[in-house]
Amino acid sequence: MTDKNTNARISESKIVLRPVLGLVEGLDPSQLRDVTIDAILKHRILRDEASQAHRVLENVQSAQSRPEEIRFAERGYIAAMIAMHAHQTALSTLLDVLGYVPEVPPQQPSN
């Protein structure tokens, strides 16, 4: 598969989110770079949220909390990890289309 923005070759065996390809099709390179940077920053937030959810789960488990508290913490951790990994797939697609990893400033996403 070849992307129309960059003519970058995207492996057929890699998971590619076609809706993401459609959304960024036709963007100029600077717009695509900015969208990708926003996605990187969002991914960092999701990573931090998943890490925090893991710490909460560990604390609840080590405190020998009630089973329902542990289940609630487990669900929070699983949900955070699913969100992070789903976003990673979208980010990976954007990076493939862009063709490189852009330098990311230390700021929040524009959205």
Protein backbone atom coordinates (compact mmCIF):
# COMPACT_ATOMS: atom_id res chain seq x y z
CA MET A 1 0.00 0.00 0.00
CA THR A 2 1.33 3.43 -0.88
CA ASP A 3 0.12 6.62 0.76
CA LYS A 4 -0.79 9.49 -1.57
CA ASN A 5 0.70 12.16 0.75
CA THR A 6 4.26 10.91 0.87
CA ASN A 7 4.38 7.88 -1.42
CA ALA A 8 5.60 6.07 1.69
CA ARG A 9 5.32 2.31 1.48
CA ILE A 10 3.16 0.90 4.29
CA SER A 11 3.62 -2.79 5.01
CA GLU A 12 0.61 -4.96 4.17
CA SER A 13 1.23 -7.04 7.32
CA LYS A 14 1.05 -4.03 9.65
CA ILE A 15 -2.23 -2.88 11.17
CA VAL A 16 -3.21 0.31 9.37
CA LEU A 17 -6.31 2.26 10.25
CA ARG A 18 -7.87 3.11 6.91
CA PRO A 19 -10.14 5.77 8.45
CA VAL A 20 -7.00 7.60 9.62
CA LEU A 21 -5.55 7.36 6.11
CA GLY A 22 -8.75 8.83 4.72
CA LEU A 23 -8.77 11.68 7.23
CA VAL A 24 -5.23 12.80 6.44
CA GLU A 25 -5.37 12.20 2.70
CA GLY A 26 -4.68 15.46 0.93
CA LEU A 27 -3.23 17.31 3.93
CA ASP A 28 -0.16 19.31 3.15
CA PRO A 29 3.03 18.07 4.85
CA SER A 30 2.98 20.74 7.57
CA GLN A 31 -0.65 19.95 8.48
CA LEU A 32 0.14 16.22 8.59
CA ARG A 33 3.17 16.91 10.79
CA ASP A 34 1.06 19.02 13.19
CA VAL A 35 -1.68 16.36 13.41
CA THR A 36 1.00 13.75 14.12
CA ILE A 37 2.63 15.88 16.81
CA ASP A 38 -0.77 16.35 18.48
CA ALA A 39 -1.25 12.58 18.37
CA ILE A 40 2.18 12.01 19.96
CA LEU A 41 1.33 14.42 22.76
CA LYS A 42 -2.06 12.76 23.28
CA HIS A 43 -0.34 9.37 23.40
CA ARG A 44 1.94 10.62 26.15
CA ILE A 45 -1.11 11.67 28.16
CA LEU A 46 -2.74 8.27 27.67
CA ARG A 47 0.53 6.56 28.66
CA ASP A 48 0.67 8.59 31.85
CA GLU A 49 -2.98 7.81 32.63
CA ALA A 50 -2.35 4.08 32.14
CA SER A 51 0.71 4.27 34.36
CA GLN A 52 -1.32 6.02 37.06
CA ALA A 53 -4.08 3.42 36.77
CA HIS A 54 -1.46 0.69 37.22
CA ARG A 55 -0.15 2.38 40.37
CA VAL A 56 -3.69 2.62 41.75
CA LEU A 57 -4.24 -1.07 41.04
CA GLU A 58 -0.98 -2.02 42.76
CA ASN A 59 -1.88 0.11 45.80
CA VAL A 60 -5.35 -1.39 46.06
CA GLN A 61 -3.95 -4.90 45.75
CA SER A 62 -1.19 -4.35 48.30
CA ALA A 63 -3.66 -2.81 50.77
CA GLN A 64 -5.66 -6.03 50.61
CA SER A 65 -8.76 -4.07 49.69
CA ARG A 66 -12.21 -5.50 49.22
CA PRO A 67 -12.64 -7.63 46.06
CA GLU A 68 -14.99 -5.07 44.49
CA GLU A 69 -12.39 -2.31 44.95
CA ILE A 70 -9.77 -4.49 43.29
CA ARG A 71 -12.12 -5.29 40.39
CA PHE A 72 -12.89 -1.58 39.96
CA ALA A 73 -9.15 -0.76 39.87
CA GLU A 74 -8.52 -3.62 37.42
CA ARG A 75 -11.24 -2.32 35.12
CA GLY A 76 -9.76 1.16 35.26
CA TYR A 77 -6.32 -0.16 34.39
CA ILE A 78 -7.61 -2.34 31.55
CA ALA A 79 -9.64 0.57 30.11
CA ALA A 80 -6.61 2.88 30.27
CA MET A 81 -4.40 0.30 28.55
CA ILE A 82 -6.97 -0.32 25.81
CA ALA A 83 -7.24 3.43 25.16
CA MET A 84 -3.46 3.79 25.03
CA HIS A 85 -2.94 0.84 22.69
CA ALA A 86 -5.82 1.80 20.39
CA HIS A 87 -4.38 5.30 20.13
CA GLN A 88 -0.93 3.81 19.48
CA THR A 89 -2.31 2.09 16.40
CA ALA A 90 -3.68 5.39 15.08
CA LEU A 91 -0.40 7.13 15.91
CA SER A 92 1.59 4.41 14.17
CA THR A 93 -0.54 4.90 11.05
CA LEU A 94 0.10 8.66 11.14
CA LEU A 95 3.85 8.12 11.55
CA ASP A 96 3.87 5.72 8.60
CA VAL A 97 2.09 8.28 6.43
CA LEU A 98 4.35 11.10 7.59
CA GLY A 99 7.43 8.97 6.96
CA TYR A 100 9.45 10.14 9.97
CA VAL A 101 9.13 10.89 13.67
CA PRO A 102 8.80 14.66 14.04
CA GLU A 103 10.50 16.64 16.76
CA VAL A 104 7.89 17.20 19.46
CA PRO A 105 7.85 20.39 21.52
CA PRO A 106 7.08 20.14 25.23
CA GLN A 107 3.49 21.42 24.98
CA GLN A 108 -0.08 20.14 25.12
CA PRO A 109 -2.07 19.04 22.03
CA SER A 110 -3.87 21.85 20.24
CA ASN A 111 -7.25 20.10 20.63
